[in-house]
Amino acid sequence: MWGKLAASFKRWKGIHACKDYIASSQDLHYRYGLQTTVNAAFWWDTLIERRSWQELELNLILKWRCLR
């Protein structure tokens, strides 16, 4: 499990559309004088069963893609 978890950390260090979205959002907030705060959360006590958390991760990725 830890190898998979470490691989997910590496994936998040790369370039992601969400990083561009956050940067654009912050730029717009700054331009219009609005306060903004960016928070990220990680599920440290993730499910032990690999298939379950991989399915959850995939569903969240697909949901994110639909929101863009």
N, C-alpha and C. Protein backbone atom coordinates (compact mmCIF):
# COMPACT_ATOMS: atom_id res chain seq x y z
N MET A 1 0.82 -1.19 0.00
CA MET A 1 0.00 0.00 0.00
C MET A 1 0.86 1.25 0.00
N TRP A 2 1.96 1.28 0.74
CA TRP A 2 2.74 2.51 0.86
C TRP A 2 3.35 2.91 -0.47
N GLY A 3 3.71 1.92 -1.31
CA GLY A 3 4.25 2.25 -2.63
C GLY A 3 3.23 3.01 -3.45
N LYS A 4 1.98 2.56 -3.40
CA LYS A 4 0.90 3.24 -4.13
C LYS A 4 0.66 4.63 -3.56
N LEU A 5 0.71 4.75 -2.25
CA LEU A 5 0.49 6.04 -1.60
C LEU A 5 1.61 7.00 -1.98
N ALA A 6 2.83 6.52 -1.99
CA ALA A 6 3.96 7.37 -2.38
C ALA A 6 3.82 7.81 -3.82
N ALA A 7 3.34 6.91 -4.68
CA ALA A 7 3.14 7.26 -6.09
C ALA A 7 2.09 8.35 -6.24
N SER A 8 1.07 8.33 -5.39
CA SER A 8 0.04 9.37 -5.47
C SER A 8 0.61 10.72 -5.07
N PHE A 9 1.51 10.75 -4.10
CA PHE A 9 2.16 12.00 -3.71
C PHE A 9 2.96 12.56 -4.89
N LYS A 10 3.67 11.67 -5.61
CA LYS A 10 4.44 12.11 -6.77
C LYS A 10 3.53 12.69 -7.84
N ARG A 11 2.38 12.08 -8.05
CA ARG A 11 1.44 12.58 -9.06
C ARG A 11 1.01 14.00 -8.72
N TRP A 12 0.78 14.29 -7.45
CA TRP A 12 0.30 15.61 -7.06
C TRP A 12 1.39 16.67 -7.13
N LYS A 13 2.65 16.25 -7.20
CA LYS A 13 3.73 17.22 -7.33
C LYS A 13 3.84 17.71 -8.78
N GLY A 14 3.25 17.00 -9.71
CA GLY A 14 3.33 17.36 -11.13
C GLY A 14 2.36 18.49 -11.48
N ILE A 15 2.14 18.65 -12.76
CA ILE A 15 1.27 19.72 -13.25
C ILE A 15 -0.15 19.18 -13.37
N HIS A 16 -1.08 19.90 -12.82
CA HIS A 16 -2.47 19.48 -12.85
C HIS A 16 -3.34 20.67 -13.20
N ALA A 17 -4.43 20.40 -13.85
CA ALA A 17 -5.37 21.46 -14.21
C ALA A 17 -5.88 22.18 -12.97
N CYS A 18 -5.99 21.47 -11.86
CA CYS A 18 -6.51 22.11 -10.65
C CYS A 18 -5.57 23.21 -10.17
N LYS A 19 -4.27 23.05 -10.41
CA LYS A 19 -3.32 24.11 -10.04
C LYS A 19 -3.59 25.36 -10.86
N ASP A 20 -3.87 25.19 -12.15
CA ASP A 20 -4.19 26.33 -13.01
C ASP A 20 -5.50 26.97 -12.57
N TYR A 21 -6.47 26.15 -12.21
CA TYR A 21 -7.76 26.65 -11.76
C TYR A 21 -7.59 27.49 -10.49
N ILE A 22 -6.82 27.00 -9.55
CA ILE A 22 -6.60 27.73 -8.30
C ILE A 22 -5.88 29.05 -8.57
N ALA A 23 -4.87 29.00 -9.44
CA ALA A 23 -4.13 30.23 -9.76
C ALA A 23 -5.05 31.25 -10.42
N SER A 24 -5.89 30.81 -11.34
CA SER A 24 -6.83 31.73 -12.01
C SER A 24 -7.82 32.32 -11.02
N SER A 25 -8.30 31.48 -10.14
CA SER A 25 -9.25 31.93 -9.13
C SER A 25 -8.61 32.98 -8.21
N GLN A 26 -7.38 32.73 -7.80
CA GLN A 26 -6.69 33.69 -6.94
C GLN A 26 -6.45 35.01 -7.67
N ASP A 27 -6.07 34.92 -8.94
CA ASP A 27 -5.86 36.14 -9.74
C ASP A 27 -7.12 36.98 -9.82
N LEU A 28 -8.25 36.33 -10.08
CA LEU A 28 -9.51 37.06 -10.17
C LEU A 28 -9.91 37.68 -8.84
N HIS A 29 -9.73 36.94 -7.77
CA HIS A 29 -10.04 37.48 -6.45
C HIS A 29 -9.19 38.72 -6.17
N TYR A 30 -7.90 38.64 -6.50
CA TYR A 30 -6.99 39.76 -6.27
C TYR A 30 -7.42 40.97 -7.12
N ARG A 31 -7.76 40.70 -8.37
CA ARG A 31 -8.14 41.78 -9.29
C ARG A 31 -9.35 42.56 -8.79
N TYR A 32 -10.30 41.85 -8.19
CA TYR A 32 -11.53 42.49 -7.73
C TYR A 32 -11.54 42.78 -6.23
N GLY A 33 -10.37 42.66 -5.60
CA GLY A 33 -10.24 43.03 -4.19
C GLY A 33 -10.99 42.10 -3.24
N LEU A 34 -11.13 40.84 -3.62
CA LEU A 34 -11.82 39.87 -2.78
C LEU A 34 -10.80 39.00 -2.05
N GLN A 35 -11.12 38.66 -0.83
CA GLN A 35 -10.23 37.78 -0.07
C GLN A 35 -10.42 36.35 -0.53
N THR A 36 -9.36 35.59 -0.48
CA THR A 36 -9.43 34.19 -0.85
C THR A 36 -8.47 33.38 0.01
N THR A 37 -8.82 32.15 0.23
CA THR A 37 -7.96 31.22 0.95
C THR A 37 -8.01 29.89 0.21
N VAL A 38 -6.86 29.29 0.02
CA VAL A 38 -6.80 27.98 -0.64
C VAL A 38 -6.42 26.95 0.41
N ASN A 39 -7.19 25.90 0.50
CA ASN A 39 -6.92 24.81 1.44
C ASN A 39 -6.87 23.50 0.67
N ALA A 40 -6.01 22.62 1.09
CA ALA A 40 -5.94 21.28 0.52
C ALA A 40 -6.04 20.29 1.66
N ALA A 41 -6.67 19.18 1.39
CA ALA A 41 -6.83 18.16 2.43
C ALA A 41 -6.43 16.80 1.87
N PHE A 42 -5.85 16.00 2.71
CA PHE A 42 -5.48 14.64 2.34
C PHE A 42 -6.10 13.68 3.33
N TRP A 43 -6.50 12.57 2.83
CA TRP A 43 -7.15 11.55 3.64
C TRP A 43 -6.07 10.60 4.15
N TRP A 44 -5.49 10.94 5.30
CA TRP A 44 -4.36 10.17 5.82
C TRP A 44 -4.73 8.78 6.27
N ASP A 45 -5.94 8.59 6.74
CA ASP A 45 -6.36 7.24 7.18
C ASP A 45 -7.19 6.58 6.08
N THR A 46 -6.65 6.61 4.89
CA THR A 46 -7.34 6.06 3.72
C THR A 46 -7.66 4.58 3.90
N LEU A 47 -8.56 4.10 3.10
CA LEU A 47 -8.99 2.71 3.18
C LEU A 47 -7.81 1.77 2.94
N ILE A 48 -7.76 0.70 3.69
CA ILE A 48 -6.68 -0.28 3.55
C ILE A 48 -6.81 -1.02 2.22
N GLU A 49 -8.03 -1.35 1.86
CA GLU A 49 -8.27 -2.10 0.63
C GLU A 49 -7.96 -1.20 -0.57
N ARG A 50 -6.95 -1.58 -1.33
CA ARG A 50 -6.47 -0.75 -2.44
C ARG A 50 -7.56 -0.46 -3.46
N ARG A 51 -8.33 -1.44 -3.83
CA ARG A 51 -9.35 -1.25 -4.86
C ARG A 51 -10.35 -0.17 -4.45
N SER A 52 -10.70 -0.11 -3.19
CA SER A 52 -11.68 0.87 -2.71
C SER A 52 -11.17 2.29 -2.88
N TRP A 53 -9.93 2.56 -2.46
CA TRP A 53 -9.46 3.94 -2.56
C TRP A 53 -9.08 4.32 -3.97
N GLN A 54 -8.70 3.32 -4.79
CA GLN A 54 -8.43 3.64 -6.20
C GLN A 54 -9.73 4.00 -6.91
N GLU A 55 -10.81 3.31 -6.57
CA GLU A 55 -12.11 3.62 -7.14
C GLU A 55 -12.57 5.01 -6.70
N LEU A 56 -12.38 5.31 -5.42
CA LEU A 56 -12.73 6.63 -4.91
C LEU A 56 -11.92 7.71 -5.62
N GLU A 57 -10.60 7.49 -5.76
CA GLU A 57 -9.75 8.46 -6.44
C GLU A 57 -10.21 8.68 -7.88
N LEU A 58 -10.51 7.62 -8.58
CA LEU A 58 -10.97 7.73 -9.97
C LEU A 58 -12.28 8.51 -10.04
N ASN A 59 -13.21 8.22 -9.16
CA ASN A 59 -14.49 8.93 -9.16
C ASN A 59 -14.30 10.42 -8.90
N LEU A 60 -13.39 10.77 -8.00
CA LEU A 60 -13.12 12.18 -7.72
C LEU A 60 -12.45 12.87 -8.90
N ILE A 61 -11.55 12.17 -9.57
CA ILE A 61 -10.90 12.72 -10.76
C ILE A 61 -11.93 12.98 -11.84
N LEU A 62 -12.81 12.01 -12.08
CA LEU A 62 -13.85 12.16 -13.11
C LEU A 62 -14.81 13.30 -12.76
N LYS A 63 -15.13 13.43 -11.49
CA LYS A 63 -16.00 14.51 -11.05
C LYS A 63 -15.32 15.86 -11.29
N TRP A 64 -14.04 15.94 -10.97
CA TRP A 64 -13.27 17.19 -11.18
C TRP A 64 -13.27 17.56 -12.65
N ARG A 65 -13.06 16.56 -13.53
CA ARG A 65 -13.02 16.84 -14.97
C ARG A 65 -14.36 17.37 -15.47
N CYS A 66 -15.45 16.89 -14.92
CA CYS A 66 -16.77 17.34 -15.35
C CYS A 66 -17.06 18.76 -14.90
N LEU A 67 -16.43 19.20 -13.83
CA LEU A 67 -16.66 20.54 -13.30
C LEU A 67 -15.90 21.61 -14.08
N ARG A 68 -14.90 21.21 -14.83
CA ARG A 68 -14.08 22.20 -15.54
C ARG A 68 -14.75 22.64 -16.80
